[in-house]
Amino acid sequence: MNNKNDTRPSRRQLPFSVYVTGTFMLIAVMTALITASVVAIVWNNNRFRLFTEQDIFIALVIAGAVAILLAGGVGIFFASSIVNPIRSISKTADAIKNGNLSARTELSGDDELSRLGETFDDMAESIERDRDLERQLIGDVAHELRTPLMAVQATAEAIEDGIFPADDEHLQTLSTETRRLGRLVEELLHLNRLENGTIEPQMALVDLSEMIDSLSIANEAYVESAELTLDADIEVGISVMGDQDLLHQAVTNLLSNAVRYTSAGGHVKISLSHAGGYAIISVTDDGIGIAEDDL
């Protein structure tokens, strides 16, 4: 059982660099002791002693000291080469945890820790990109919901104040905008399920040529109502494996955006072709376009 009120002092952990340096120095000391033992054995069994015991002792002391100093230096070098990248990754993780999504380790190289830092930076960049997309999505959703909400509110208040009569025309406006709101909410829920992976695409052979042709015909009146011209360039006989409903929704969204952001008198074109074993669906317009940063 854990005691949250335990006031016992926690054991302080030594830095990792101390452990690495200590390991190298311990190896150096053990090496020096083993060397001294070997020299002592050889000395006792050697009949021709060229050096005195004092000379051997001084040489062993000097060799041991040099070995320890060398091991300490090498240990510090290896410890810093290991600890510094880890410290950089830990510092970056703390910064991201505190909301600084632009923090990066800036590590690069071919060793494992450098590749770990690069992977961490890629992950941080992905998180920052997803956060920006999330903010943009929230803004787009607010913009999309505001228009029908304002229309419903204005019409309802006008009817309530006696400015508009509660006739079929104005009730139809309320009904249309309410259905539009419901459709927007349903699309958001569908998008959320797609992102969470709770919807499995129903893969089947889809006749893209027929689907795009039907879409262009179905949206012709919608495009003309916006005083635009719709052109279709559809190559026949193109089929792919995919989810027909999701493909239909994707192309419909592209057409809707093209109509929405193109001024009256403009042109919208939908085309279907194939190249290199791939089907290519293209929706183009001569509207305001998309900023380079948003592409």
C-alpha atoms as a PDB file:
ATOM      1  CA  MET A   1       0.000   0.000   0.000  1.00  0.00           C
ATOM      2  CA  ASN A   2       1.369   3.397  -0.955  1.00  0.00           C
ATOM      3  CA  ASN A   3       1.461   6.086   1.670  1.00  0.00           C
ATOM      4  CA  LYS A   4       0.975   9.485   0.039  1.00  0.00           C
ATOM      5  CA  ASN A   5       2.007  11.252   3.253  1.00  0.00           C
ATOM      6  CA  ASP A   6       5.341   9.445   3.490  1.00  0.00           C
ATOM      7  CA  THR A   7       7.882  12.082   4.536  1.00  0.00           C
ATOM      8  CA  ARG A   8      10.968   9.874   4.213  1.00  0.00           C
ATOM      9  CA  PRO A   9      13.632  11.493   2.052  1.00  0.00           C
ATOM     10  CA  SER A  10      13.834  10.002  -1.419  1.00  0.00           C
ATOM     11  CA  ARG A  11      17.089   8.450  -2.512  1.00  0.00           C
ATOM     12  CA  ARG A  12      19.000  10.819  -4.766  1.00  0.00           C
ATOM     13  CA  GLN A  13      20.097   9.204  -8.017  1.00  0.00           C
ATOM     14  CA  LEU A  14      23.538   9.965  -9.367  1.00  0.00           C
ATOM     15  CA  PRO A  15      23.816  11.324 -12.918  1.00  0.00           C
ATOM     16  CA  PHE A  16      24.204   8.724 -15.630  1.00  0.00           C
ATOM     17  CA  SER A  17      27.556  10.218 -16.617  1.00  0.00           C
ATOM     18  CA  VAL A  18      28.932   9.407 -13.152  1.00  0.00           C
ATOM     19  CA  TYR A  19      28.011   5.744 -13.580  1.00  0.00           C
ATOM     20  CA  VAL A  20      29.673   5.547 -17.004  1.00  0.00           C
ATOM     21  CA  THR A  21      32.855   7.315 -15.834  1.00  0.00           C
ATOM     22  CA  GLY A  22      32.972   5.197 -12.674  1.00  0.00           C
ATOM     23  CA  THR A  23      32.662   2.032 -14.739  1.00  0.00           C
ATOM     24  CA  PHE A  24      35.639   2.992 -16.893  1.00  0.00           C
ATOM     25  CA  MET A  25      37.729   3.909 -13.822  1.00  0.00           C
ATOM     26  CA  LEU A  26      36.798   0.662 -12.084  1.00  0.00           C
ATOM     27  CA  ILE A  27      37.909  -1.285 -15.157  1.00  0.00           C
ATOM     28  CA  ALA A  28      41.170   0.686 -15.145  1.00  0.00           C
ATOM     29  CA  VAL A  29      41.806  -0.088 -11.465  1.00  0.00           C
ATOM     30  CA  MET A  30      41.087  -3.769 -11.972  1.00  0.00           C
ATOM     31  CA  THR A  31      43.375  -3.812 -15.009  1.00  0.00           C
ATOM     32  CA  ALA A  32      46.147  -2.159 -12.995  1.00  0.00           C
ATOM     33  CA  LEU A  33      45.740  -4.670 -10.142  1.00  0.00           C
ATOM     34  CA  ILE A  34      45.814  -7.619 -12.543  1.00  0.00           C
ATOM     35  CA  THR A  35      48.903  -6.197 -14.235  1.00  0.00           C
ATOM     36  CA  ALA A  36      50.591  -5.715 -10.857  1.00  0.00           C
ATOM     37  CA  SER A  37      49.792  -9.306  -9.903  1.00  0.00           C
ATOM     38  CA  VAL A  38      51.228 -10.633 -13.158  1.00  0.00           C
ATOM     39  CA  VAL A  39      54.379  -8.548 -12.732  1.00  0.00           C
ATOM     40  CA  ALA A  40      54.774  -9.779  -9.157  1.00  0.00           C
ATOM     41  CA  ILE A  41      54.490 -13.392 -10.240  1.00  0.00           C
ATOM     42  CA  VAL A  42      56.968 -12.924 -13.041  1.00  0.00           C
ATOM     43  CA  TRP A  43      59.334 -11.088 -10.674  1.00  0.00           C
ATOM     44  CA  ASN A  44      59.319 -13.899  -8.136  1.00  0.00           C
ATOM     45  CA  ASN A  45      60.037 -16.514 -10.804  1.00  0.00           C
ATOM     46  CA  ASN A  46      62.677 -14.539 -12.726  1.00  0.00           C
ATOM     47  CA  ARG A  47      66.293 -15.365 -11.927  1.00  0.00           C
ATOM     48  CA  PHE A  48      67.691 -12.444 -13.872  1.00  0.00           C
ATOM     49  CA  ARG A  49      66.223  -9.382 -12.195  1.00  0.00           C
ATOM     50  CA  LEU A  50      67.079  -6.372 -14.294  1.00  0.00           C
ATOM     51  CA  PHE A  51      65.033  -3.974 -12.144  1.00  0.00           C
ATOM     52  CA  THR A  52      64.775  -3.503  -8.423  1.00  0.00           C
ATOM     53  CA  GLU A  53      61.541  -3.928  -6.477  1.00  0.00           C
ATOM     54  CA  GLN A  54      61.381  -0.172  -5.987  1.00  0.00           C
ATOM     55  CA  ASP A  55      61.620   0.389  -9.743  1.00  0.00           C
ATOM     56  CA  ILE A  56      58.801  -2.081 -10.339  1.00  0.00           C
ATOM     57  CA  PHE A  57      56.659  -0.476  -7.641  1.00  0.00           C
ATOM     58  CA  ILE A  58      57.134   3.040  -9.036  1.00  0.00           C
ATOM     59  CA  ALA A  59      56.395   1.833 -12.567  1.00  0.00           C
ATOM     60  CA  LEU A  60      53.206   0.140 -11.405  1.00  0.00           C
ATOM     61  CA  VAL A  61      52.061   3.242  -9.526  1.00  0.00           C
ATOM     62  CA  ILE A  62      52.698   5.458 -12.535  1.00  0.00           C
ATOM     63  CA  ALA A  63      51.023   2.990 -14.904  1.00  0.00           C
ATOM     64  CA  GLY A  64      48.018   2.668 -12.578  1.00  0.00           C
ATOM     65  CA  ALA A  65      47.653   6.437 -12.243  1.00  0.00           C
ATOM     66  CA  VAL A  66      47.920   6.933 -16.004  1.00  0.00           C
ATOM     67  CA  ALA A  67      45.416   4.136 -16.592  1.00  0.00           C
ATOM     68  CA  ILE A  68      42.933   5.641 -14.127  1.00  0.00           C
ATOM     69  CA  LEU A  69      43.288   9.143 -15.584  1.00  0.00           C
ATOM     70  CA  LEU A  70      42.992   7.822 -19.132  1.00  0.00           C
ATOM     71  CA  ALA A  71      39.959   5.725 -18.197  1.00  0.00           C
ATOM     72  CA  GLY A  72      38.367   8.728 -16.488  1.00  0.00           C
ATOM     73  CA  GLY A  73      38.876  10.904 -19.567  1.00  0.00           C
ATOM     74  CA  VAL A  74      37.551   8.244 -21.906  1.00  0.00           C
ATOM     75  CA  GLY A  75      34.636   7.634 -19.543  1.00  0.00           C
ATOM     76  CA  ILE A  76      33.745  11.322 -19.447  1.00  0.00           C
ATOM     77  CA  PHE A  77      33.923  11.508 -23.245  1.00  0.00           C
ATOM     78  CA  PHE A  78      31.670   8.498 -23.755  1.00  0.00           C
ATOM     79  CA  ALA A  79      29.327   9.610 -20.978  1.00  0.00           C
ATOM     80  CA  SER A  80      28.873  13.056 -22.514  1.00  0.00           C
ATOM     81  CA  SER A  81      28.326  11.580 -25.986  1.00  0.00           C
ATOM     82  CA  ILE A  82      25.549   9.444 -24.530  1.00  0.00           C
ATOM     83  CA  VAL A  83      24.077  11.814 -21.962  1.00  0.00           C
ATOM     84  CA  ASN A  84      23.947  15.005 -24.055  1.00  0.00           C
ATOM     85  CA  PRO A  85      21.589  13.599 -26.728  1.00  0.00           C
ATOM     86  CA  ILE A  86      19.416  12.010 -24.039  1.00  0.00           C
ATOM     87  CA  ARG A  87      19.330  15.305 -22.151  1.00  0.00           C
ATOM     88  CA  SER A  88      18.384  17.136 -25.369  1.00  0.00           C
ATOM     89  CA  ILE A  89      15.542  14.688 -26.066  1.00  0.00           C
ATOM     90  CA  SER A  90      14.311  14.948 -22.461  1.00  0.00           C
ATOM     91  CA  LYS A  91      14.430  18.762 -22.578  1.00  0.00           C
ATOM     92  CA  THR A  92      12.498  18.814 -25.853  1.00  0.00           C
ATOM     93  CA  ALA A  93       9.893  16.406 -24.457  1.00  0.00           C
ATOM     94  CA  ASP A  94       9.387  18.672 -21.426  1.00  0.00           C
ATOM     95  CA  ALA A  95       8.998  21.701 -23.706  1.00  0.00           C
ATOM     96  CA  ILE A  96       6.370  19.918 -25.830  1.00  0.00           C
ATOM     97  CA  LYS A  97       4.583  18.777 -22.675  1.00  0.00           C
ATOM     98  CA  ASN A  98       4.404  22.418 -21.554  1.00  0.00           C
ATOM     99  CA  GLY A  99       2.853  23.498 -24.856  1.00  0.00           C
ATOM    100  CA  ASN A 100       5.882  24.498 -26.932  1.00  0.00           C
ATOM    101  CA  LEU A 101       5.188  22.347 -29.980  1.00  0.00           C
ATOM    102  CA  SER A 102       7.953  24.037 -31.979  1.00  0.00           C
ATOM    103  CA  ALA A 103      10.717  22.595 -29.741  1.00  0.00           C
ATOM    104  CA  ARG A 104      13.151  20.253 -31.507  1.00  0.00           C
ATOM    105  CA  THR A 105      16.206  18.254 -30.449  1.00  0.00           C
ATOM    106  CA  GLU A 106      18.149  19.324 -33.588  1.00  0.00           C
ATOM    107  CA  LEU A 107      20.056  16.015 -33.440  1.00  0.00           C
ATOM    108  CA  SER A 108      21.462  14.520 -36.628  1.00  0.00           C
ATOM    109  CA  GLY A 109      23.856  11.710 -37.463  1.00  0.00           C
ATOM    110  CA  ASP A 110      24.131   8.010 -38.178  1.00  0.00           C
ATOM    111  CA  ASP A 111      24.318   6.658 -34.620  1.00  0.00           C
ATOM    112  CA  GLU A 112      21.312   5.269 -32.784  1.00  0.00           C
ATOM    113  CA  LEU A 113      20.798   8.251 -30.459  1.00  0.00           C
ATOM    114  CA  SER A 114      20.946  10.724 -33.341  1.00  0.00           C
ATOM    115  CA  ARG A 115      18.406   8.685 -35.291  1.00  0.00           C
ATOM    116  CA  LEU A 116      16.250   8.573 -32.166  1.00  0.00           C
ATOM    117  CA  GLY A 117      16.451  12.378 -31.970  1.00  0.00           C
ATOM    118  CA  GLU A 118      15.514  12.719 -35.643  1.00  0.00           C
ATOM    119  CA  THR A 119      12.562  10.376 -35.133  1.00  0.00           C
ATOM    120  CA  PHE A 120      11.510  12.396 -32.102  1.00  0.00           C
ATOM    121  CA  ASP A 121      11.696  15.618 -34.136  1.00  0.00           C
ATOM    122  CA  ASP A 122       9.588  14.031 -36.876  1.00  0.00           C
ATOM    123  CA  MET A 123       7.019  13.031 -34.267  1.00  0.00           C
ATOM    124  CA  ALA A 124       7.004  16.561 -32.789  1.00  0.00           C
ATOM    125  CA  GLU A 125       6.570  18.048 -36.264  1.00  0.00           C
ATOM    126  CA  SER A 126       3.665  15.697 -36.922  1.00  0.00           C
ATOM    127  CA  ILE A 127       2.037  16.698 -33.630  1.00  0.00           C
ATOM    128  CA  GLU A 128       2.469  20.394 -34.436  1.00  0.00           C
ATOM    129  CA  ARG A 129       1.042  19.888 -37.923  1.00  0.00           C
ATOM    130  CA  ASP A 130      -1.946  17.969 -36.545  1.00  0.00           C
ATOM    131  CA  ARG A 131      -2.565  20.707 -33.975  1.00  0.00           C
ATOM    132  CA  ASP A 132      -2.524  23.361 -36.705  1.00  0.00           C
ATOM    133  CA  LEU A 133      -4.920  21.296 -38.804  1.00  0.00           C
ATOM    134  CA  GLU A 134      -7.157  20.834 -35.773  1.00  0.00           C
ATOM    135  CA  ARG A 135      -7.285  24.588 -35.187  1.00  0.00           C
ATOM    136  CA  GLN A 136      -7.997  25.181 -38.854  1.00  0.00           C
ATOM    137  CA  LEU A 137     -10.736  22.549 -38.786  1.00  0.00           C
ATOM    138  CA  ILE A 138     -12.346  24.186 -35.761  1.00  0.00           C
ATOM    139  CA  GLY A 139     -12.311  27.535 -37.567  1.00  0.00           C
ATOM    140  CA  ASP A 140     -13.762  25.997 -40.734  1.00  0.00           C
ATOM    141  CA  VAL A 141     -16.474  24.190 -38.759  1.00  0.00           C
ATOM    142  CA  ALA A 142     -17.397  27.390 -36.919  1.00  0.00           C
ATOM    143  CA  HIS A 143     -17.599  29.202 -40.246  1.00  0.00           C
ATOM    144  CA  GLU A 144     -19.719  26.492 -41.858  1.00  0.00           C
ATOM    145  CA  LEU A 145     -22.147  26.266 -38.911  1.00  0.00           C
ATOM    146  CA  ARG A 146     -22.474  30.021 -38.444  1.00  0.00           C
ATOM    147  CA  THR A 147     -24.307  30.682 -41.735  1.00  0.00           C
ATOM    148  CA  PRO A 148     -27.234  28.245 -41.299  1.00  0.00           C
ATOM    149  CA  LEU A 149     -27.488  29.094 -37.604  1.00  0.00           C
ATOM    150  CA  MET A 150     -27.751  32.797 -38.360  1.00  0.00           C
ATOM    151  CA  ALA A 151     -30.341  32.106 -41.073  1.00  0.00           C
ATOM    152  CA  VAL A 152     -32.450  30.004 -38.704  1.00  0.00           C
ATOM    153  CA  GLN A 153     -32.124  32.545 -35.901  1.00  0.00           C
ATOM    154  CA  ALA A 154     -32.944  35.535 -38.110  1.00  0.00           C
ATOM    155  CA  THR A 155     -35.971  33.836 -39.693  1.00  0.00           C
ATOM    156  CA  ALA A 156     -37.285  32.577 -36.345  1.00  0.00           C
ATOM    157  CA  GLU A 157     -36.917  36.011 -34.722  1.00  0.00           C
ATOM    158  CA  ALA A 158     -38.602  37.700 -37.681  1.00  0.00           C
ATOM    159  CA  ILE A 159     -41.559  35.322 -37.451  1.00  0.00           C
ATOM    160  CA  GLU A 160     -41.664  35.779 -33.677  1.00  0.00           C
ATOM    161  CA  ASP A 161     -41.695  39.588 -34.014  1.00  0.00           C
ATOM    162  CA  GLY A 162     -44.382  39.494 -36.701  1.00  0.00           C
ATOM    163  CA  ILE A 163     -42.094  40.768 -39.464  1.00  0.00           C
ATOM    164  CA  PHE A 164     -42.434  37.548 -41.453  1.00  0.00           C
ATOM    165  CA  PRO A 165     -45.619  35.512 -41.562  1.00  0.00           C
ATOM    166  CA  ALA A 166     -45.421  31.910 -40.411  1.00  0.00           C
ATOM    167  CA  ASP A 167     -46.258  30.652 -43.886  1.00  0.00           C
ATOM    168  CA  ASP A 168     -44.957  27.693 -45.858  1.00  0.00           C
ATOM    169  CA  GLU A 169     -42.184  29.703 -47.505  1.00  0.00           C
ATOM    170  CA  HIS A 170     -40.529  30.816 -44.269  1.00  0.00           C
ATOM    171  CA  LEU A 171     -41.122  27.495 -42.541  1.00  0.00           C
ATOM    172  CA  GLN A 172     -39.467  25.844 -45.534  1.00  0.00           C
ATOM    173  CA  THR A 173     -36.433  28.112 -45.003  1.00  0.00           C
ATOM    174  CA  LEU A 174     -36.198  26.983 -41.387  1.00  0.00           C
ATOM    175  CA  SER A 175     -36.541  23.353 -42.434  1.00  0.00           C
ATOM    176  CA  THR A 176     -33.883  23.663 -45.159  1.00  0.00           C
ATOM    177  CA  GLU A 177     -31.318  25.320 -42.928  1.00  0.00           C
ATOM    178  CA  THR A 178     -32.027  22.852 -40.122  1.00  0.00           C
ATOM    179  CA  ARG A 179     -31.436  19.927 -42.464  1.00  0.00           C
ATOM    180  CA  ARG A 180     -28.226  21.612 -43.622  1.00  0.00           C
ATOM    181  CA  LEU A 181     -27.058  21.858 -40.012  1.00  0.00           C
ATOM    182  CA  GLY A 182     -27.853  18.194 -39.477  1.00  0.00           C
ATOM    183  CA  ARG A 183     -25.932  17.273 -42.625  1.00  0.00           C
ATOM    184  CA  LEU A 184     -22.884  19.263 -41.498  1.00  0.00           C
ATOM    185  CA  VAL A 185     -22.916  17.622 -38.074  1.00  0.00           C
ATOM    186  CA  GLU A 186     -23.275  14.180 -39.648  1.00  0.00           C
ATOM    187  CA  GLU A 187     -20.293  14.870 -41.927  1.00  0.00           C
ATOM    188  CA  LEU A 188     -18.216  15.936 -38.925  1.00  0.00           C
ATOM    189  CA  LEU A 189     -19.140  12.742 -37.073  1.00  0.00           C
ATOM    190  CA  HIS A 190     -18.292  10.712 -40.161  1.00  0.00           C
ATOM    191  CA  LEU A 191     -14.920  12.474 -40.465  1.00  0.00           C
ATOM    192  CA  ASN A 192     -14.210  11.791 -36.795  1.00  0.00           C
ATOM    193  CA  ARG A 193     -14.967   8.090 -37.256  1.00  0.00           C
ATOM    194  CA  LEU A 194     -12.661   7.962 -40.267  1.00  0.00           C
ATOM    195  CA  GLU A 195      -9.798   9.600 -38.362  1.00  0.00           C
ATOM    196  CA  ASN A 196     -10.298   7.273 -35.386  1.00  0.00           C
ATOM    197  CA  GLY A 197     -10.303   4.224 -37.653  1.00  0.00           C
ATOM    198  CA  THR A 198     -13.768   3.087 -36.525  1.00  0.00           C
ATOM    199  CA  ILE A 199     -15.013   2.922 -40.123  1.00  0.00           C
ATOM    200  CA  GLU A 200     -13.657   0.186 -42.321  1.00  0.00           C
ATOM    201  CA  PRO A 201     -13.616   1.069 -46.028  1.00  0.00           C
ATOM    202  CA  GLN A 202     -15.808  -1.289 -48.054  1.00  0.00           C
ATOM    203  CA  MET A 203     -13.374  -2.207 -50.798  1.00  0.00           C
ATOM    204  CA  ALA A 204     -14.894  -3.229 -54.123  1.00  0.00           C
ATOM    205  CA  LEU A 205     -14.367  -2.682 -57.834  1.00  0.00           C
ATOM    206  CA  VAL A 206     -15.616   0.849 -58.600  1.00  0.00           C
ATOM    207  CA  ASP A 207     -16.365   2.074 -62.115  1.00  0.00           C
ATOM    208  CA  LEU A 208     -14.885   5.550 -61.745  1.00  0.00           C
ATOM    209  CA  SER A 209     -15.865   6.616 -65.245  1.00  0.00           C
ATOM    210  CA  GLU A 210     -19.532   5.956 -64.553  1.00  0.00           C
ATOM    211  CA  MET A 211     -19.384   7.484 -61.065  1.00  0.00           C
ATOM    212  CA  ILE A 212     -17.701  10.733 -62.197  1.00  0.00           C
ATOM    213  CA  ASP A 213     -20.062  11.037 -65.161  1.00  0.00           C
ATOM    214  CA  SER A 214     -23.089  10.659 -62.856  1.00  0.00           C
ATOM    215  CA  LEU A 215     -21.645  13.213 -60.470  1.00  0.00           C
ATOM    216  CA  SER A 216     -21.078  15.776 -63.190  1.00  0.00           C
ATOM    217  CA  ILE A 217     -24.670  15.373 -64.410  1.00  0.00           C
ATOM    218  CA  ALA A 218     -26.093  15.520 -60.868  1.00  0.00           C
ATOM    219  CA  ASN A 219     -24.166  18.710 -60.035  1.00  0.00           C
ATOM    220  CA  GLU A 220     -24.768  20.493 -63.341  1.00  0.00           C
ATOM    221  CA  ALA A 221     -27.834  22.371 -62.068  1.00  0.00           C
ATOM    222  CA  TYR A 222     -26.036  23.250 -58.814  1.00  0.00           C
ATOM    223  CA  VAL A 223     -23.104  24.710 -60.740  1.00  0.00           C
ATOM    224  CA  GLU A 224     -25.363  26.641 -63.119  1.00  0.00           C
ATOM    225  CA  SER A 225     -27.308  28.100 -60.191  1.00  0.00           C
ATOM    226  CA  ALA A 226     -24.035  29.711 -59.067  1.00  0.00           C
ATOM    227  CA  GLU A 227     -23.717  31.211 -62.572  1.00  0.00           C
ATOM    228  CA  LEU A 228     -20.764  28.980 -63.403  1.00  0.00           C
ATOM    229  CA  THR A 229     -19.967  26.639 -66.270  1.00  0.00           C
ATOM    230  CA  LEU A 230     -19.187  22.976 -65.623  1.00  0.00           C
ATOM    231  CA  ASP A 231     -16.961  21.094 -68.065  1.00  0.00           C
ATOM    232  CA  ALA A 232     -16.352  17.349 -67.869  1.00  0.00           C
ATOM    233  CA  ASP A 233     -13.516  15.413 -69.486  1.00  0.00           C
ATOM    234  CA  ILE A 234     -14.019  11.793 -68.493  1.00  0.00           C
ATOM    235  CA  GLU A 235     -12.052   8.888 -69.895  1.00  0.00           C
ATOM    236  CA  VAL A 236     -14.196   5.775 -70.199  1.00  0.00           C
ATOM    237  CA  GLY A 237     -13.389   2.332 -68.888  1.00  0.00           C
ATOM    238  CA  ILE A 238     -11.469   3.328 -65.735  1.00  0.00           C
ATOM    239  CA  SER A 239     -12.093   1.188 -62.651  1.00  0.00           C
ATOM    240  CA  VAL A 240     -10.314   0.982 -59.282  1.00  0.00           C
ATOM    241  CA  MET A 241     -10.534  -0.967 -56.058  1.00  0.00           C
ATOM    242  CA  GLY A 242     -11.971   1.333 -53.396  1.00  0.00           C
ATOM    243  CA  ASP A 243     -14.941   2.420 -51.292  1.00  0.00           C
ATOM    244  CA  GLN A 244     -17.478   3.922 -53.683  1.00  0.00           C
ATOM    245  CA  ASP A 245     -19.276   5.967 -50.999  1.00  0.00           C
ATOM    246  CA  LEU A 246     -16.035   7.541 -49.739  1.00  0.00           C
ATOM    247  CA  LEU A 247     -14.815   8.272 -53.277  1.00  0.00           C
ATOM    248  CA  HIS A 248     -18.203   9.788 -54.110  1.00  0.00           C
ATOM    249  CA  GLN A 249     -18.052  12.000 -51.012  1.00  0.00           C
ATOM    250  CA  ALA A 250     -14.477  13.107 -51.725  1.00  0.00           C
ATOM    251  CA  VAL A 251     -15.247  14.192 -55.292  1.00  0.00           C
ATOM    252  CA  THR A 252     -18.485  15.867 -54.181  1.00  0.00           C
ATOM    253  CA  ASN A 253     -16.571  17.885 -51.604  1.00  0.00           C
ATOM    254  CA  LEU A 254     -14.053  18.971 -54.243  1.00  0.00           C
ATOM    255  CA  LEU A 255     -16.860  20.114 -56.550  1.00  0.00           C
ATOM    256  CA  SER A 256     -18.607  21.921 -53.702  1.00  0.00           C
ATOM    257  CA  ASN A 257     -15.446  23.806 -52.768  1.00  0.00           C
ATOM    258  CA  ALA A 258     -14.758  24.709 -56.389  1.00  0.00           C
ATOM    259  CA  VAL A 259     -18.253  26.189 -56.764  1.00  0.00           C
ATOM    260  CA  ARG A 260     -18.096  27.977 -53.431  1.00  0.00           C
ATOM    261  CA  TYR A 261     -14.831  29.789 -54.108  1.00  0.00           C
ATOM    262  CA  THR A 262     -15.343  30.652 -57.774  1.00  0.00           C
ATOM    263  CA  SER A 263     -16.932  33.967 -58.739  1.00  0.00           C
ATOM    264  CA  ALA A 264     -19.941  34.163 -61.027  1.00  0.00           C
ATOM    265  CA  GLY A 265     -19.032  33.710 -64.664  1.00  0.00           C
ATOM    266  CA  GLY A 266     -16.186  31.324 -63.850  1.00  0.00           C
ATOM    267  CA  HIS A 267     -15.533  27.765 -64.945  1.00  0.00           C
ATOM    268  CA  VAL A 268     -15.286  24.486 -63.058  1.00  0.00           C
ATOM    269  CA  LYS A 269     -13.828  21.412 -64.725  1.00  0.00           C
ATOM    270  CA  ILE A 270     -13.815  17.799 -63.561  1.00  0.00           C
ATOM    271  CA  SER A 271     -11.633  15.293 -65.375  1.00  0.00           C
ATOM    272  CA  LEU A 272     -10.763  11.620 -65.092  1.00  0.00           C
ATOM    273  CA  SER A 273      -7.746   9.967 -66.704  1.00  0.00           C
ATOM    274  CA  HIS A 274      -5.166   7.299 -65.969  1.00  0.00           C
ATOM    275  CA  ALA A 275      -1.356   7.144 -66.034  1.00  0.00           C
ATOM    276  CA  GLY A 276       1.160   4.593 -64.832  1.00  0.00           C
ATOM    277  CA  GLY A 277      -1.484   2.277 -63.453  1.00  0.00           C
ATOM    278  CA  TYR A 278      -3.163   5.036 -61.416  1.00  0.00           C
ATOM    279  CA  ALA A 279      -6.525   6.744 -61.874  1.00  0.00           C
ATOM    280  CA  ILE A 280      -6.331  10.548 -61.723  1.00  0.00           C
ATOM    281  CA  ILE A 281      -9.365  12.600 -60.654  1.00  0.00           C
ATOM    282  CA  SER A 282      -8.924  16.345 -61.069  1.00  0.00           C
ATOM    283  CA  VAL A 283     -11.265  19.201 -60.137  1.00  0.00           C
ATOM    284  CA  THR A 284     -10.024  22.612 -61.290  1.00  0.00           C
ATOM    285  CA  ASP A 285     -11.505  26.098 -61.292  1.00  0.00           C
ATOM    286  CA  ASP A 286     -10.502  29.689 -61.924  1.00  0.00           C
ATOM    287  CA  GLY A 287     -11.483  30.889 -58.459  1.00  0.00           C
ATOM    288  CA  ILE A 288      -9.419  32.506 -55.722  1.00  0.00           C
ATOM    289  CA  GLY A 289      -7.200  29.421 -55.329  1.00  0.00           C
ATOM    290  CA  ILE A 290      -5.518  28.074 -52.222  1.00  0.00           C
ATOM    291  CA  ALA A 291      -2.649  29.781 -50.428  1.00  0.00           C
ATOM    292  CA  GLU A 292       0.717  28.054 -50.858  1.00  0.00           C
ATOM    293  CA  ASP A 293       1.004  27.386 -47.125  1.00  0.00           C
ATOM    294  CA  ASP A 294      -2.404  25.665 -47.071  1.00  0.00           C
ATOM    295  CA  LEU A 295      -1.788  23.304 -49.990  1.00  0.00           C
END
